[in-house]
Amino acid sequence: MSLEVIIGNHQQAVVIPEYWLTALEEIGPVAAASALAHAVTEDCPLRHLATVEIAIVDDVTSDQVHREFMEIEGATDVITFHHGEIVIGAEVAQRQAAEYAEPLARELLRYLVHGLLHLADHEDAEPEERERMEAAQEKIVLEIWDSGLEQRLASF
């Protein structure tokens, strides 16, 4: 799979170092391949994409996108569009990372993987779907984080 992952930081509410974005872009194809290994359907959108674009946004923007496209009020962690765009809420990531005593970089990785799993046709509306998706997500996050990403992000 030759997938390009492009990440843009479109917010200033949370400090996200540029080298984190570069590292996440570089591991993006690995995360996508892992998401495909957990695909729910054979013909999922992720199989047909050449590029996945990720926009990291603030709560105001996340809320706007959430309302406009899902008719749900409030900022959220991840919104995924099947044409290959993933919107990640930076402030949500920061709050969740603090709540669960996780590094912010790992929470951002989690949201990247979550979006890719949606592109692999995972859903999380129903409890059984959410459980299956979270199991795949945490397995992928752990593999990538422990494969050297943690040291790479901490070494700068």
Protein backbone atom coordinates (compact mmCIF):
# COMPACT_ATOMS: atom_id res chain seq x y z
CA MET A 1 0.00 0.00 0.00
CA SER A 2 1.47 3.34 -0.98
CA LEU A 3 -0.60 5.84 0.92
CA GLU A 4 0.46 9.40 1.59
CA VAL A 5 -0.61 10.92 4.90
CA ILE A 6 -0.64 14.70 5.12
CA ILE A 7 -1.23 16.37 8.49
CA GLY A 8 -1.98 20.05 8.91
CA ASN A 9 -2.17 21.82 12.24
CA HIS A 10 -4.97 24.35 11.80
CA GLN A 11 -5.23 25.54 15.39
CA GLN A 12 -3.24 27.41 18.00
CA ALA A 13 -5.02 26.36 21.19
CA VAL A 14 -2.71 23.39 21.82
CA VAL A 15 1.04 23.39 21.22
CA ILE A 16 1.87 20.60 18.78
CA PRO A 17 5.51 20.55 17.67
CA GLU A 18 6.12 20.36 13.95
CA TYR A 19 8.33 17.28 14.37
CA TRP A 20 5.35 15.42 15.89
CA LEU A 21 3.39 16.11 12.71
CA THR A 22 6.30 14.89 10.59
CA ALA A 23 6.65 11.71 12.65
CA LEU A 24 2.92 11.01 12.48
CA GLU A 25 2.94 11.56 8.71
CA GLU A 26 5.80 9.10 8.37
CA ILE A 27 4.10 6.37 10.41
CA GLY A 28 0.72 7.07 8.77
CA PRO A 29 1.15 4.44 6.02
CA VAL A 30 2.14 1.83 8.65
CA ALA A 31 -0.95 2.71 10.69
CA ALA A 32 -3.09 2.52 7.53
CA ALA A 33 -1.72 -0.92 6.66
CA SER A 34 -2.53 -2.07 10.19
CA ALA A 35 -6.03 -0.61 9.92
CA LEU A 36 -6.51 -2.49 6.66
CA ALA A 37 -5.48 -5.71 8.40
CA HIS A 38 -8.47 -5.08 10.69
CA ALA A 39 -10.85 -3.99 7.90
CA VAL A 40 -14.49 -4.85 8.43
CA THR A 41 -15.25 -5.08 4.71
CA GLU A 42 -13.15 -6.10 1.73
CA ASP A 43 -14.08 -2.98 -0.25
CA CYS A 44 -13.54 -0.32 2.43
CA PRO A 45 -12.69 3.28 1.41
CA LEU A 46 -9.13 3.01 2.77
CA ARG A 47 -8.22 0.46 0.05
CA HIS A 48 -8.95 3.01 -2.67
CA LEU A 49 -7.25 6.11 -1.29
CA ALA A 50 -3.88 7.45 -2.41
CA THR A 51 -3.90 10.22 0.18
CA VAL A 52 -5.38 10.77 3.61
CA GLU A 53 -5.47 14.36 4.80
CA ILE A 54 -5.67 15.08 8.50
CA ALA A 55 -6.67 18.46 9.87
CA ILE A 56 -5.94 19.15 13.52
CA VAL A 57 -8.41 21.76 14.71
CA ASP A 58 -9.58 23.60 17.83
CA ASP A 59 -12.85 23.06 19.71
CA VAL A 60 -14.69 25.79 17.81
CA THR A 61 -13.86 24.26 14.43
CA SER A 62 -14.49 20.70 15.63
CA ASP A 63 -17.91 21.78 16.91
CA GLN A 64 -18.72 23.46 13.57
CA VAL A 65 -17.76 20.37 11.55
CA HIS A 66 -19.59 18.08 13.98
CA ARG A 67 -22.78 20.16 13.67
CA GLU A 68 -22.57 20.62 9.91
CA PHE A 69 -21.83 17.07 8.86
CA MET A 70 -23.21 14.93 11.69
CA GLU A 71 -25.85 17.23 13.20
CA ILE A 72 -24.31 16.70 16.65
CA GLU A 73 -23.49 19.61 18.93
CA GLY A 74 -20.08 19.95 20.55
CA ALA A 75 -16.41 19.39 19.82
CA THR A 76 -15.35 15.78 19.32
CA ASP A 77 -12.18 13.74 19.03
CA VAL A 78 -12.31 12.47 15.44
CA ILE A 79 -14.55 13.02 12.42
CA THR A 80 -13.78 10.89 9.37
CA PHE A 81 -14.96 11.43 5.82
CA HIS A 82 -14.85 8.49 3.41
CA HIS A 83 -13.13 10.59 0.75
CA GLY A 84 -10.01 10.50 2.95
CA GLU A 85 -10.19 13.45 5.31
CA ILE A 86 -9.88 13.08 9.07
CA VAL A 87 -10.55 15.97 11.45
CA ILE A 88 -8.89 15.68 14.86
CA GLY A 89 -9.83 17.84 17.83
CA ALA A 90 -6.60 19.04 19.46
CA GLU A 91 -8.26 20.39 22.59
CA VAL A 92 -10.28 17.19 23.02
CA ALA A 93 -7.03 15.22 22.66
CA GLN A 94 -5.35 17.40 25.28
CA ARG A 95 -8.24 16.96 27.74
CA GLN A 96 -8.41 13.20 27.20
CA ALA A 97 -4.64 12.78 27.47
CA ALA A 98 -4.69 14.63 30.80
CA GLU A 99 -7.68 12.66 32.08
CA TYR A 100 -6.06 9.30 31.29
CA ALA A 101 -2.48 10.36 32.12
CA GLU A 102 -1.38 9.70 28.53
CA PRO A 103 1.17 11.68 26.54
CA LEU A 104 -0.54 14.08 24.13
CA ALA A 105 1.43 12.61 21.21
CA ARG A 106 0.04 9.14 21.97
CA GLU A 107 -3.51 10.50 22.12
CA LEU A 108 -3.00 12.16 18.72
CA LEU A 109 -1.71 8.83 17.37
CA ARG A 110 -4.81 7.15 18.83
CA TYR A 111 -7.06 9.61 16.98
CA LEU A 112 -5.13 9.09 13.73
CA VAL A 113 -5.59 5.32 14.05
CA HIS A 114 -9.26 5.79 15.00
CA GLY A 115 -9.88 7.78 11.83
CA LEU A 116 -8.07 5.19 9.69
CA LEU A 117 -10.18 2.42 11.23
CA HIS A 118 -13.30 4.36 10.24
CA LEU A 119 -11.90 4.36 6.69
CA ALA A 120 -11.54 0.58 7.08
CA ASP A 121 -15.33 0.52 7.71
CA HIS A 122 -15.25 0.26 11.49
CA GLU A 123 -18.14 1.92 13.28
CA ASP A 124 -18.50 2.83 16.93
CA ALA A 125 -22.16 3.75 17.34
CA GLU A 126 -23.20 0.44 18.90
CA PRO A 127 -21.47 -1.05 21.97
CA GLU A 128 -20.33 -4.23 20.15
CA GLU A 129 -18.95 -2.20 17.23
CA ARG A 130 -17.19 0.19 19.60
CA GLU A 131 -15.63 -2.69 21.54
CA ARG A 132 -14.30 -4.32 18.36
CA MET A 133 -13.00 -0.99 17.04
CA GLU A 134 -11.32 -0.01 20.31
CA ALA A 135 -9.62 -3.41 20.56
CA ALA A 136 -8.15 -3.00 17.06
CA GLN A 137 -7.27 0.63 17.76
CA GLU A 138 -5.40 -0.06 20.99
CA LYS A 139 -3.51 -2.98 19.44
CA ILE A 140 -2.32 -0.76 16.56
CA VAL A 141 -1.47 2.17 18.85
CA LEU A 142 0.56 -0.08 21.15
CA GLU A 143 2.47 -1.66 18.25
CA ILE A 144 3.35 1.69 16.69
CA TRP A 145 4.11 3.47 19.96
CA ASP A 146 6.36 0.66 21.20
CA SER A 147 8.11 0.28 17.83
CA GLY A 148 10.08 3.45 18.47
CA LEU A 149 7.65 6.32 18.02
CA GLU A 150 7.67 7.12 21.73
CA GLN A 151 11.48 7.46 21.80
CA ARG A 152 11.48 9.40 18.55
CA LEU A 153 9.01 11.97 19.84
CA ALA A 154 10.77 12.27 23.18
CA SER A 155 14.25 12.57 21.67
CA PHE A 156 13.74 15.97 20.06
